[in-house]
Amino acid sequence: MTSILRFRKAPYVELDGGVITGGDDPAKVGQFWHFVDYVDEEGGRLCVWDGSSYADGQRALARWRQDGVRAVDLLGEALS
């Protein structure tokens, strides 16, 4: 028996982005795209929003933050 306790992290959402390099929509290839991912207690991820507008991504984060979920803007951190 072990006395190590595993503490789970609280779920949170992240705003991140990148350049589309392939997929079903050739019109999006080469565009910078933004994603909001929900990250659960075990590190599992689910994309809950995506789009071309950084401002819209920030608004999506703000809605989660209003519901009490920690929201992290990885793009804003990269730009500062």
PDB file of N, CA and C in Angstrom:
ATOM      1  N   MET A   1       0.843  -1.192   0.000  1.00  0.00           N
ATOM      2  CA  MET A   1       0.000   0.000   0.000  1.00  0.00           C
ATOM      3  C   MET A   1       0.881   1.246   0.000  1.00  0.00           C
ATOM      4  N   THR A   2       0.439   2.224  -0.704  1.00  0.00           N
ATOM      5  CA  THR A   2       1.205   3.463  -0.804  1.00  0.00           C
ATOM      6  C   THR A   2       0.480   4.598  -0.092  1.00  0.00           C
ATOM      7  N   SER A   3       1.243   5.546   0.368  1.00  0.00           N
ATOM      8  CA  SER A   3       0.632   6.695   1.043  1.00  0.00           C
ATOM      9  C   SER A   3       0.636   7.928   0.140  1.00  0.00           C
ATOM     10  N   ILE A   4       0.865   7.734  -1.138  1.00  0.00           N
ATOM     11  CA  ILE A   4       0.863   8.850  -2.086  1.00  0.00           C
ATOM     12  C   ILE A   4      -0.571   9.135  -2.522  1.00  0.00           C
ATOM     13  N   LEU A   5      -0.971  10.372  -2.354  1.00  0.00           N
ATOM     14  CA  LEU A   5      -2.309  10.794  -2.771  1.00  0.00           C
ATOM     15  C   LEU A   5      -2.203  11.554  -4.089  1.00  0.00           C
ATOM     16  N   ARG A   6      -3.052  11.207  -5.012  1.00  0.00           N
ATOM     17  CA  ARG A   6      -3.090  11.929  -6.286  1.00  0.00           C
ATOM     18  C   ARG A   6      -4.158  13.011  -6.204  1.00  0.00           C
ATOM     19  N   PHE A   7      -3.746  14.235  -6.398  1.00  0.00           N
ATOM     20  CA  PHE A   7      -4.689  15.345  -6.415  1.00  0.00           C
ATOM     21  C   PHE A   7      -4.942  15.734  -7.862  1.00  0.00           C
ATOM     22  N   ARG A   8      -6.191  15.798  -8.214  1.00  0.00           N
ATOM     23  CA  ARG A   8      -6.546  16.179  -9.579  1.00  0.00           C
ATOM     24  C   ARG A   8      -6.549  17.692  -9.717  1.00  0.00           C
ATOM     25  N   LYS A   9      -6.134  18.140 -10.879  1.00  0.00           N
ATOM     26  CA  LYS A   9      -6.200  19.569 -11.188  1.00  0.00           C
ATOM     27  C   LYS A   9      -7.644  19.930 -11.508  1.00  0.00           C
ATOM     28  N   ALA A  10      -8.007  21.138 -11.175  1.00  0.00           N
ATOM     29  CA  ALA A  10      -9.344  21.618 -11.546  1.00  0.00           C
ATOM     30  C   ALA A  10      -9.403  21.790 -13.063  1.00  0.00           C
ATOM     31  N   PRO A  11     -10.556  21.513 -13.672  1.00  0.00           N
ATOM     32  CA  PRO A  11     -10.672  21.724 -15.121  1.00  0.00           C
ATOM     33  C   PRO A  11     -10.483  23.196 -15.473  1.00  0.00           C
ATOM     34  N   TYR A  12     -10.050  23.443 -16.699  1.00  0.00           N
ATOM     35  CA  TYR A  12      -9.846  24.812 -17.177  1.00  0.00           C
ATOM     36  C   TYR A  12     -10.002  24.836 -18.690  1.00  0.00           C
ATOM     37  N   VAL A  13     -10.017  26.043 -19.261  1.00  0.00           N
ATOM     38  CA  VAL A  13     -10.056  26.203 -20.712  1.00  0.00           C
ATOM     39  C   VAL A  13      -8.824  26.979 -21.162  1.00  0.00           C
ATOM     40  N   GLU A  14      -8.371  26.682 -22.376  1.00  0.00           N
ATOM     41  CA  GLU A  14      -7.195  27.329 -22.959  1.00  0.00           C
ATOM     42  C   GLU A  14      -7.535  27.885 -24.331  1.00  0.00           C
ATOM     43  N   LEU A  15      -7.034  29.084 -24.598  1.00  0.00           N
ATOM     44  CA  LEU A  15      -7.094  29.651 -25.950  1.00  0.00           C
ATOM     45  C   LEU A  15      -5.710  29.500 -26.563  1.00  0.00           C
ATOM     46  N   ASP A  16      -5.652  28.824 -27.698  1.00  0.00           N
ATOM     47  CA  ASP A  16      -4.393  28.597 -28.399  1.00  0.00           C
ATOM     48  C   ASP A  16      -4.662  28.747 -29.890  1.00  0.00           C
ATOM     49  N   GLY A  17      -3.662  28.598 -30.699  1.00  0.00           N
ATOM     50  CA  GLY A  17      -3.867  28.715 -32.133  1.00  0.00           C
ATOM     51  C   GLY A  17      -2.688  28.213 -32.926  1.00  0.00           C
ATOM     52  N   GLY A  18      -2.878  28.167 -34.227  1.00  0.00           N
ATOM     53  CA  GLY A  18      -1.823  27.728 -35.116  1.00  0.00           C
ATOM     54  C   GLY A  18      -2.258  27.851 -36.562  1.00  0.00           C
ATOM     55  N   VAL A  19      -1.337  27.568 -37.447  1.00  0.00           N
ATOM     56  CA  VAL A  19      -1.595  27.651 -38.882  1.00  0.00           C
ATOM     57  C   VAL A  19      -2.160  26.319 -39.365  1.00  0.00           C
ATOM     58  N   ILE A  20      -3.260  26.376 -40.095  1.00  0.00           N
ATOM     59  CA  ILE A  20      -3.884  25.178 -40.661  1.00  0.00           C
ATOM     60  C   ILE A  20      -2.988  24.669 -41.798  1.00  0.00           C
ATOM     61  N   THR A  21      -2.619  23.389 -41.731  1.00  0.00           N
ATOM     62  CA  THR A  21      -1.733  22.815 -42.751  1.00  0.00           C
ATOM     63  C   THR A  21      -2.410  21.760 -43.616  1.00  0.00           C
ATOM     64  N   GLY A  22      -3.653  21.383 -43.293  1.00  0.00           N
ATOM     65  CA  GLY A  22      -4.354  20.376 -44.075  1.00  0.00           C
ATOM     66  C   GLY A  22      -5.773  20.230 -43.563  1.00  0.00           C
ATOM     67  N   GLY A  23      -6.501  19.291 -44.139  1.00  0.00           N
ATOM     68  CA  GLY A  23      -7.860  19.039 -43.681  1.00  0.00           C
ATOM     69  C   GLY A  23      -8.854  19.012 -44.822  1.00  0.00           C
ATOM     70  N   ASP A  24     -10.133  18.997 -44.442  1.00  0.00           N
ATOM     71  CA  ASP A  24     -11.220  18.874 -45.411  1.00  0.00           C
ATOM     72  C   ASP A  24     -11.534  20.164 -46.165  1.00  0.00           C
ATOM     73  N   ASP A  25     -11.125  21.306 -45.605  1.00  0.00           N
ATOM     74  CA  ASP A  25     -11.460  22.597 -46.219  1.00  0.00           C
ATOM     75  C   ASP A  25     -10.190  23.269 -46.743  1.00  0.00           C
ATOM     76  N   PRO A  26      -9.874  23.114 -48.025  1.00  0.00           N
ATOM     77  CA  PRO A  26      -8.647  23.695 -48.574  1.00  0.00           C
ATOM     78  C   PRO A  26      -8.582  25.219 -48.438  1.00  0.00           C
ATOM     79  N   ALA A  27      -9.731  25.888 -48.311  1.00  0.00           N
ATOM     80  CA  ALA A  27      -9.738  27.350 -48.177  1.00  0.00           C
ATOM     81  C   ALA A  27      -9.094  27.794 -46.865  1.00  0.00           C
ATOM     82  N   LYS A  28      -9.077  26.921 -45.853  1.00  0.00           N
ATOM     83  CA  LYS A  28      -8.500  27.282 -44.553  1.00  0.00           C
ATOM     84  C   LYS A  28      -6.991  27.038 -44.483  1.00  0.00           C
ATOM     85  N   VAL A  29      -6.454  26.236 -45.410  1.00  0.00           N
ATOM     86  CA  VAL A  29      -5.025  25.917 -45.383  1.00  0.00           C
ATOM     87  C   VAL A  29      -4.212  27.205 -45.506  1.00  0.00           C
ATOM     88  N   GLY A  30      -3.257  27.370 -44.590  1.00  0.00           N
ATOM     89  CA  GLY A  30      -2.417  28.557 -44.559  1.00  0.00           C
ATOM     90  C   GLY A  30      -2.932  29.655 -43.648  1.00  0.00           C
ATOM     91  N   GLN A  31      -4.174  29.543 -43.180  1.00  0.00           N
ATOM     92  CA  GLN A  31      -4.741  30.555 -42.279  1.00  0.00           C
ATOM     93  C   GLN A  31      -4.347  30.262 -40.833  1.00  0.00           C
ATOM     94  N   PHE A  32      -4.220  31.330 -40.039  1.00  0.00           N
ATOM     95  CA  PHE A  32      -4.031  31.164 -38.598  1.00  0.00           C
ATOM     96  C   PHE A  32      -5.405  30.953 -37.984  1.00  0.00           C
ATOM     97  N   TRP A  33      -5.556  29.919 -37.185  1.00  0.00           N
ATOM     98  CA  TRP A  33      -6.842  29.552 -36.606  1.00  0.00           C
ATOM     99  C   TRP A  33      -6.709  29.497 -35.095  1.00  0.00           C
ATOM    100  N   HIS A  34      -7.773  29.856 -34.394  1.00  0.00           N
ATOM    101  CA  HIS A  34      -7.784  29.892 -32.929  1.00  0.00           C
ATOM    102  C   HIS A  34      -8.666  28.771 -32.393  1.00  0.00           C
ATOM    103  N   PHE A  35      -8.282  28.230 -31.243  1.00  0.00           N
ATOM    104  CA  PHE A  35      -8.998  27.115 -30.628  1.00  0.00           C
ATOM    105  C   PHE A  35      -9.155  27.360 -29.137  1.00  0.00           C
ATOM    106  N   VAL A  36     -10.331  27.031 -28.599  1.00  0.00           N
ATOM    107  CA  VAL A  36     -10.531  26.995 -27.149  1.00  0.00           C
ATOM    108  C   VAL A  36     -10.767  25.532 -26.791  1.00  0.00           C
ATOM    109  N   ASP A  37      -9.888  25.008 -25.948  1.00  0.00           N
ATOM    110  CA  ASP A  37      -9.986  23.621 -25.488  1.00  0.00           C
ATOM    111  C   ASP A  37     -10.389  23.588 -24.023  1.00  0.00           C
ATOM    112  N   TYR A  38     -11.319  22.683 -23.700  1.00  0.00           N
ATOM    113  CA  TYR A  38     -11.653  22.380 -22.307  1.00  0.00           C
ATOM    114  C   TYR A  38     -10.716  21.256 -21.886  1.00  0.00           C
ATOM    115  N   VAL A  39     -10.005  21.444 -20.769  1.00  0.00           N
ATOM    116  CA  VAL A  39      -9.068  20.441 -20.258  1.00  0.00           C
ATOM    117  C   VAL A  39      -9.641  19.908 -18.951  1.00  0.00           C
ATOM    118  N   ASP A  40      -9.941  18.599 -18.913  1.00  0.00           N
ATOM    119  CA  ASP A  40     -10.569  18.023 -17.719  1.00  0.00           C
ATOM    120  C   ASP A  40      -9.537  17.668 -16.647  1.00  0.00           C
ATOM    121  N   GLU A  41     -10.010  17.109 -15.536  1.00  0.00           N
ATOM    122  CA  GLU A  41      -9.177  16.817 -14.373  1.00  0.00           C
ATOM    123  C   GLU A  41      -8.031  15.862 -14.679  1.00  0.00           C
ATOM    124  N   GLU A  42      -8.213  15.008 -15.669  1.00  0.00           N
ATOM    125  CA  GLU A  42      -7.190  14.015 -15.997  1.00  0.00           C
ATOM    126  C   GLU A  42      -6.339  14.423 -17.197  1.00  0.00           C
ATOM    127  N   GLY A  43      -6.539  15.638 -17.709  1.00  0.00           N
ATOM    128  CA  GLY A  43      -5.754  16.122 -18.837  1.00  0.00           C
ATOM    129  C   GLY A  43      -6.387  15.874 -20.195  1.00  0.00           C
ATOM    130  N   GLY A  44      -7.567  15.244 -20.218  1.00  0.00           N
ATOM    131  CA  GLY A  44      -8.270  15.037 -21.483  1.00  0.00           C
ATOM    132  C   GLY A  44      -8.721  16.371 -22.061  1.00  0.00           C
ATOM    133  N   ARG A  45      -8.743  16.466 -23.370  1.00  0.00           N
ATOM    134  CA  ARG A  45      -9.066  17.727 -24.042  1.00  0.00           C
ATOM    135  C   ARG A  45     -10.258  17.567 -24.971  1.00  0.00           C
ATOM    136  N   LEU A  46     -11.039  18.648 -25.034  1.00  0.00           N
ATOM    137  CA  LEU A  46     -12.173  18.710 -25.945  1.00  0.00           C
ATOM    138  C   LEU A  46     -12.213  20.123 -26.521  1.00  0.00           C
ATOM    139  N   CYS A  47     -12.177  20.238 -27.838  1.00  0.00           N
ATOM    140  CA  CYS A  47     -12.272  21.556 -28.467  1.00  0.00           C
ATOM    141  C   CYS A  47     -13.717  22.035 -28.343  1.00  0.00           C
ATOM    142  N   VAL A  48     -13.912  23.191 -27.691  1.00  0.00           N
ATOM    143  CA  VAL A  48     -15.264  23.717 -27.473  1.00  0.00           C
ATOM    144  C   VAL A  48     -15.557  24.946 -28.341  1.00  0.00           C
ATOM    145  N   TRP A  49     -14.543  25.469 -29.008  1.00  0.00           N
ATOM    146  CA  TRP A  49     -14.726  26.602 -29.913  1.00  0.00           C
ATOM    147  C   TRP A  49     -13.532  26.653 -30.857  1.00  0.00           C
ATOM    148  N   ASP A  50     -13.772  27.087 -32.113  1.00  0.00           N
ATOM    149  CA  ASP A  50     -12.669  27.398 -33.025  1.00  0.00           C
ATOM    150  C   ASP A  50     -13.131  28.467 -33.998  1.00  0.00           C
ATOM    151  N   GLY A  51     -12.176  29.248 -34.464  1.00  0.00           N
ATOM    152  CA  GLY A  51     -12.500  30.299 -35.410  1.00  0.00           C
ATOM    153  C   GLY A  51     -11.280  31.096 -35.810  1.00  0.00           C
ATOM    154  N   SER A  52     -11.467  32.006 -36.747  1.00  0.00           N
ATOM    155  CA  SER A  52     -10.348  32.787 -37.283  1.00  0.00           C
ATOM    156  C   SER A  52     -10.068  34.056 -36.481  1.00  0.00           C
ATOM    157  N   SER A  53     -10.973  34.439 -35.589  1.00  0.00           N
ATOM    158  CA  SER A  53     -10.847  35.712 -34.868  1.00  0.00           C
ATOM    159  C   SER A  53     -10.321  35.515 -33.443  1.00  0.00           C
ATOM    160  N   TYR A  54      -9.189  36.165 -33.159  1.00  0.00           N
ATOM    161  CA  TYR A  54      -8.636  36.136 -31.802  1.00  0.00           C
ATOM    162  C   TYR A  54      -9.611  36.784 -30.814  1.00  0.00           C
ATOM    163  N   ALA A  55     -10.232  37.897 -31.217  1.00  0.00           N
ATOM    164  CA  ALA A  55     -11.184  38.591 -30.337  1.00  0.00           C
ATOM    165  C   ALA A  55     -12.368  37.689 -29.988  1.00  0.00           C
ATOM    166  N   ASP A  56     -12.871  36.928 -30.965  1.00  0.00           N
ATOM    167  CA  ASP A  56     -13.966  35.991 -30.685  1.00  0.00           C
ATOM    168  C   ASP A  56     -13.507  34.890 -29.734  1.00  0.00           C
ATOM    169  N   GLY A  57     -12.274  34.441 -29.887  1.00  0.00           N
ATOM    170  CA  GLY A  57     -11.720  33.444 -28.969  1.00  0.00           C
ATOM    171  C   GLY A  57     -11.633  33.983 -27.552  1.00  0.00           C
ATOM    172  N   GLN A  58     -11.230  35.237 -27.408  1.00  0.00           N
ATOM    173  CA  GLN A  58     -11.186  35.860 -26.083  1.00  0.00           C
ATOM    174  C   GLN A  58     -12.583  35.951 -25.478  1.00  0.00           C
ATOM    175  N   ARG A  59     -13.587  36.251 -26.300  1.00  0.00           N
ATOM    176  CA  ARG A  59     -14.966  36.305 -25.799  1.00  0.00           C
ATOM    177  C   ARG A  59     -15.437  34.918 -25.357  1.00  0.00           C
ATOM    178  N   ALA A  60     -15.055  33.885 -26.101  1.00  0.00           N
ATOM    179  CA  ALA A  60     -15.408  32.514 -25.700  1.00  0.00           C
ATOM    180  C   ALA A  60     -14.779  32.185 -24.348  1.00  0.00           C
ATOM    181  N   LEU A  61     -13.522  32.582 -24.145  1.00  0.00           N
ATOM    182  CA  LEU A  61     -12.862  32.375 -22.841  1.00  0.00           C
ATOM    183  C   LEU A  61     -13.611  33.109 -21.735  1.00  0.00           C
ATOM    184  N   ALA A  62     -14.019  34.338 -22.018  1.00  0.00           N
ATOM    185  CA  ALA A  62     -14.706  35.156 -21.013  1.00  0.00           C
ATOM    186  C   ALA A  62     -15.999  34.496 -20.551  1.00  0.00           C
ATOM    187  N   ARG A  63     -16.717  33.835 -21.459  1.00  0.00           N
ATOM    188  CA  ARG A  63     -17.958  33.148 -21.066  1.00  0.00           C
ATOM    189  C   ARG A  63     -17.662  32.020 -20.077  1.00  0.00           C
ATOM    190  N   TRP A  64     -16.595  31.269 -20.323  1.00  0.00           N
ATOM    191  CA  TRP A  64     -16.219  30.200 -19.381  1.00  0.00           C
ATOM    192  C   TRP A  64     -15.803  30.804 -18.036  1.00  0.00           C
ATOM    193  N   ARG A  65     -15.036  31.900 -18.098  1.00  0.00           N
ATOM    194  CA  ARG A  65     -14.573  32.561 -16.871  1.00  0.00           C
ATOM    195  C   ARG A  65     -15.766  33.040 -16.043  1.00  0.00           C
ATOM    196  N   GLN A  66     -16.815  33.551 -16.701  1.00  0.00           N
ATOM    197  CA  GLN A  66     -18.016  34.000 -15.990  1.00  0.00           C
ATOM    198  C   GLN A  66     -18.690  32.848 -15.257  1.00  0.00           C
ATOM    199  N   ASP A  67     -18.513  31.626 -15.768  1.00  0.00           N
ATOM    200  CA  ASP A  67     -19.086  30.443 -15.115  1.00  0.00           C
ATOM    201  C   ASP A  67     -18.163  29.873 -14.045  1.00  0.00           C
ATOM    202  N   GLY A  68     -17.059  30.570 -13.753  1.00  0.00           N
ATOM    203  CA  GLY A  68     -16.167  30.147 -12.681  1.00  0.00           C
ATOM    204  C   GLY A  68     -15.064  29.186 -13.095  1.00  0.00           C
ATOM    205  N   VAL A  69     -14.888  28.986 -14.400  1.00  0.00           N
ATOM    206  CA  VAL A  69     -13.836  28.093 -14.889  1.00  0.00           C
ATOM    207  C   VAL A  69     -12.579  28.924 -15.155  1.00  0.00           C
ATOM    208  N   ARG A  70     -11.422  28.417 -14.702  1.00  0.00           N
ATOM    209  CA  ARG A  70     -10.160  29.115 -14.962  1.00  0.00           C
ATOM    210  C   ARG A  70      -9.910  29.137 -16.468  1.00  0.00           C
ATOM    211  N   ALA A  71      -9.549  30.302 -16.990  1.00  0.00           N
ATOM    212  CA  ALA A  71      -9.339  30.479 -18.427  1.00  0.00           C
ATOM    213  C   ALA A  71      -7.925  30.991 -18.669  1.00  0.00           C
ATOM    214  N   VAL A  72      -7.210  30.328 -19.580  1.00  0.00           N
ATOM    215  CA  VAL A  72      -5.819  30.661 -19.877  1.00  0.00           C
ATOM    216  C   VAL A  72      -5.702  31.044 -21.349  1.00  0.00           C
ATOM    217  N   ASP A  73      -5.162  32.223 -21.611  1.00  0.00           N
ATOM    218  CA  ASP A  73      -4.943  32.691 -22.984  1.00  0.00           C
ATOM    219  C   ASP A  73      -3.471  32.460 -23.330  1.00  0.00           C
ATOM    220  N   LEU A  74      -3.162  31.319 -23.935  1.00  0.00           N
ATOM    221  CA  LEU A  74      -1.778  31.001 -24.281  1.00  0.00           C
ATOM    222  C   LEU A  74      -1.231  31.928 -25.353  1.00  0.00           C
ATOM    223  N   LEU A  75      -2.090  32.439 -26.217  1.00  0.00           N
ATOM    224  CA  LEU A  75      -1.638  33.355 -27.262  1.00  0.00           C
ATOM    225  C   LEU A  75      -1.268  34.705 -26.671  1.00  0.00           C
ATOM    226  N   GLY A  76      -2.064  35.195 -25.742  1.00  0.00           N
ATOM    227  CA  GLY A  76      -1.759  36.460 -25.079  1.00  0.00           C
ATOM    228  C   GLY A  76      -0.456  36.382 -24.306  1.00  0.00           C
ATOM    229  N   GLU A  77      -0.212  35.220 -23.664  1.00  0.00           N
ATOM    230  CA  GLU A  77       1.043  35.029 -22.934  1.00  0.00           C
ATOM    231  C   GLU A  77       2.220  35.027 -23.901  1.00  0.00           C
ATOM    232  N   ALA A  78       2.029  34.449 -25.081  1.00  0.00           N
ATOM    233  CA  ALA A  78       3.110  34.381 -26.066  1.00  0.00           C
ATOM    234  C   ALA A  78       3.422  35.763 -26.640  1.00  0.00           C
ATOM    235  N   LEU A  79       2.409  36.618 -26.713  1.00  0.00           N
ATOM    236  CA  LEU A  79       2.598  37.945 -27.295  1.00  0.00           C
ATOM    237  C   LEU A  79       3.152  38.951 -26.298  1.00  0.00           C
ATOM    238  N   SER A  80       3.062  38.648 -24.977  1.00  0.00           N
ATOM    239  CA  SER A  80       3.545  39.625 -23.992  1.00  0.00           C
ATOM    240  C   SER A  80       5.004  39.457 -23.684  1.00  0.00           C
TER     241      SER A  80
END
